[in-house]
Amino acid sequence: MPPALVGEHSLPEPLAHVWAWFCELSNARTPGAFAVASISYQDMEAWARLTGHRPTAAEVALLRELDAAFIASLRKE
């Protein structure tokens, strides 16, 4: 978990499932050639089909934002 999310910060309960979904997707991401690959729409579609989850457009947008923040945090390190 990114250090910024550890400690006093808590995840709003209505968004906990999106964080869990992101963790699932992130753990299954394909490796990039020189860096961590982003989670693609195709990855999300396959994950949704295989797991039976039906994310809304807003949830997909949140997943993309979480992925962008994750990749940006890796680049800072």
C-alpha atoms as a PDB file:
ATOM      1  CA  MET A   1       0.000   0.000   0.000  1.00  0.00           C
ATOM      2  CA  PRO A   2       1.368   3.450  -0.808  1.00  0.00           C
ATOM      3  CA  PRO A   3       2.712   5.204   2.320  1.00  0.00           C
ATOM      4  CA  ALA A   4       0.329   8.118   1.759  1.00  0.00           C
ATOM      5  CA  LEU A   5      -2.600   5.781   2.438  1.00  0.00           C
ATOM      6  CA  VAL A   6      -1.178   4.340   5.659  1.00  0.00           C
ATOM      7  CA  GLY A   7      -1.876   5.885   9.032  1.00  0.00           C
ATOM      8  CA  GLU A   8      -4.636   8.277   9.965  1.00  0.00           C
ATOM      9  CA  HIS A   9      -6.193   8.198   6.507  1.00  0.00           C
ATOM     10  CA  SER A  10      -9.028   5.789   6.056  1.00  0.00           C
ATOM     11  CA  LEU A  11     -10.713   4.625   2.921  1.00  0.00           C
ATOM     12  CA  PRO A  12     -14.383   5.606   2.693  1.00  0.00           C
ATOM     13  CA  GLU A  13     -16.453   2.426   3.009  1.00  0.00           C
ATOM     14  CA  PRO A  14     -18.391   3.062  -0.245  1.00  0.00           C
ATOM     15  CA  LEU A  15     -15.055   2.956  -2.134  1.00  0.00           C
ATOM     16  CA  ALA A  16     -13.508  -0.057  -0.400  1.00  0.00           C
ATOM     17  CA  HIS A  17     -14.591  -2.403  -3.182  1.00  0.00           C
ATOM     18  CA  VAL A  18     -12.851  -0.239  -5.816  1.00  0.00           C
ATOM     19  CA  TRP A  19      -9.603  -0.404  -3.824  1.00  0.00           C
ATOM     20  CA  ALA A  20      -9.978  -4.203  -3.545  1.00  0.00           C
ATOM     21  CA  TRP A  21     -10.577  -4.393  -7.291  1.00  0.00           C
ATOM     22  CA  PHE A  22      -7.506  -2.253  -7.949  1.00  0.00           C
ATOM     23  CA  CYS A  23      -5.393  -4.543  -5.762  1.00  0.00           C
ATOM     24  CA  GLU A  24      -6.630  -7.600  -7.696  1.00  0.00           C
ATOM     25  CA  LEU A  25      -5.908  -5.969 -11.035  1.00  0.00           C
ATOM     26  CA  SER A  26      -2.554  -4.618  -9.925  1.00  0.00           C
ATOM     27  CA  ASN A  27      -1.407  -8.024  -8.701  1.00  0.00           C
ATOM     28  CA  ALA A  28      -2.180  -9.487 -12.122  1.00  0.00           C
ATOM     29  CA  ARG A  29      -0.682  -6.704 -14.253  1.00  0.00           C
ATOM     30  CA  THR A  30       1.562  -7.696 -17.115  1.00  0.00           C
ATOM     31  CA  PRO A  31       5.196  -6.638 -16.896  1.00  0.00           C
ATOM     32  CA  GLY A  32       6.360  -3.737 -19.032  1.00  0.00           C
ATOM     33  CA  ALA A  33       9.589  -3.711 -20.993  1.00  0.00           C
ATOM     34  CA  PHE A  34      11.325  -1.079 -18.864  1.00  0.00           C
ATOM     35  CA  ALA A  35       8.718  -0.091 -16.293  1.00  0.00           C
ATOM     36  CA  VAL A  36       5.503  -1.276 -14.695  1.00  0.00           C
ATOM     37  CA  ALA A  37       2.744  -1.477 -17.290  1.00  0.00           C
ATOM     38  CA  SER A  38      -0.518   0.359 -16.802  1.00  0.00           C
ATOM     39  CA  ILE A  39      -3.699  -1.616 -16.319  1.00  0.00           C
ATOM     40  CA  SER A  40      -5.413  -1.461 -19.695  1.00  0.00           C
ATOM     41  CA  TYR A  41      -9.093  -1.383 -20.506  1.00  0.00           C
ATOM     42  CA  GLN A  42      -8.610  -4.853 -21.986  1.00  0.00           C
ATOM     43  CA  ASP A  43      -7.166  -6.045 -18.658  1.00  0.00           C
ATOM     44  CA  MET A  44     -10.179  -4.597 -16.833  1.00  0.00           C
ATOM     45  CA  GLU A  45     -12.612  -6.129 -19.296  1.00  0.00           C
ATOM     46  CA  ALA A  46     -11.059  -9.589 -18.977  1.00  0.00           C
ATOM     47  CA  TRP A  47     -10.935  -9.288 -15.171  1.00  0.00           C
ATOM     48  CA  ALA A  48     -14.601  -8.231 -15.043  1.00  0.00           C
ATOM     49  CA  ARG A  49     -15.654 -11.087 -17.339  1.00  0.00           C
ATOM     50  CA  LEU A  50     -13.688 -13.686 -15.356  1.00  0.00           C
ATOM     51  CA  THR A  51     -14.719 -12.487 -11.908  1.00  0.00           C
ATOM     52  CA  GLY A  52     -18.303 -11.508 -12.649  1.00  0.00           C
ATOM     53  CA  HIS A  53     -17.792  -7.944 -11.428  1.00  0.00           C
ATOM     54  CA  ARG A  54     -19.678  -5.227 -13.306  1.00  0.00           C
ATOM     55  CA  PRO A  55     -17.877  -1.924 -12.649  1.00  0.00           C
ATOM     56  CA  THR A  56     -19.676   1.258 -13.586  1.00  0.00           C
ATOM     57  CA  ALA A  57     -18.059   3.877 -15.801  1.00  0.00           C
ATOM     58  CA  ALA A  58     -17.304   5.916 -12.657  1.00  0.00           C
ATOM     59  CA  GLU A  59     -15.635   2.902 -11.010  1.00  0.00           C
ATOM     60  CA  VAL A  60     -13.529   2.284 -14.119  1.00  0.00           C
ATOM     61  CA  ALA A  61     -12.471   5.936 -14.004  1.00  0.00           C
ATOM     62  CA  LEU A  62     -11.468   5.517 -10.348  1.00  0.00           C
ATOM     63  CA  LEU A  63      -9.482   2.392 -11.212  1.00  0.00           C
ATOM     64  CA  ARG A  64      -7.656   4.357 -13.924  1.00  0.00           C
ATOM     65  CA  GLU A  65      -6.926   7.182 -11.458  1.00  0.00           C
ATOM     66  CA  LEU A  66      -5.616   4.736  -8.852  1.00  0.00           C
ATOM     67  CA  ASP A  67      -3.407   3.120 -11.489  1.00  0.00           C
ATOM     68  CA  ALA A  68      -2.037   6.487 -12.625  1.00  0.00           C
ATOM     69  CA  ALA A  69      -1.280   7.453  -9.010  1.00  0.00           C
ATOM     70  CA  PHE A  70       0.387   4.078  -8.405  1.00  0.00           C
ATOM     71  CA  ILE A  71       2.617   4.416 -11.462  1.00  0.00           C
ATOM     72  CA  ALA A  72       3.468   8.027 -10.593  1.00  0.00           C
ATOM     73  CA  SER A  73       4.489   6.948  -7.087  1.00  0.00           C
ATOM     74  CA  LEU A  74       6.824   4.328  -8.560  1.00  0.00           C
ATOM     75  CA  ARG A  75       8.447   6.890 -10.836  1.00  0.00           C
ATOM     76  CA  LYS A  76       9.228   9.103  -7.817  1.00  0.00           C
ATOM     77  CA  GLU A  77      11.141   6.264  -6.158  1.00  0.00           C
END
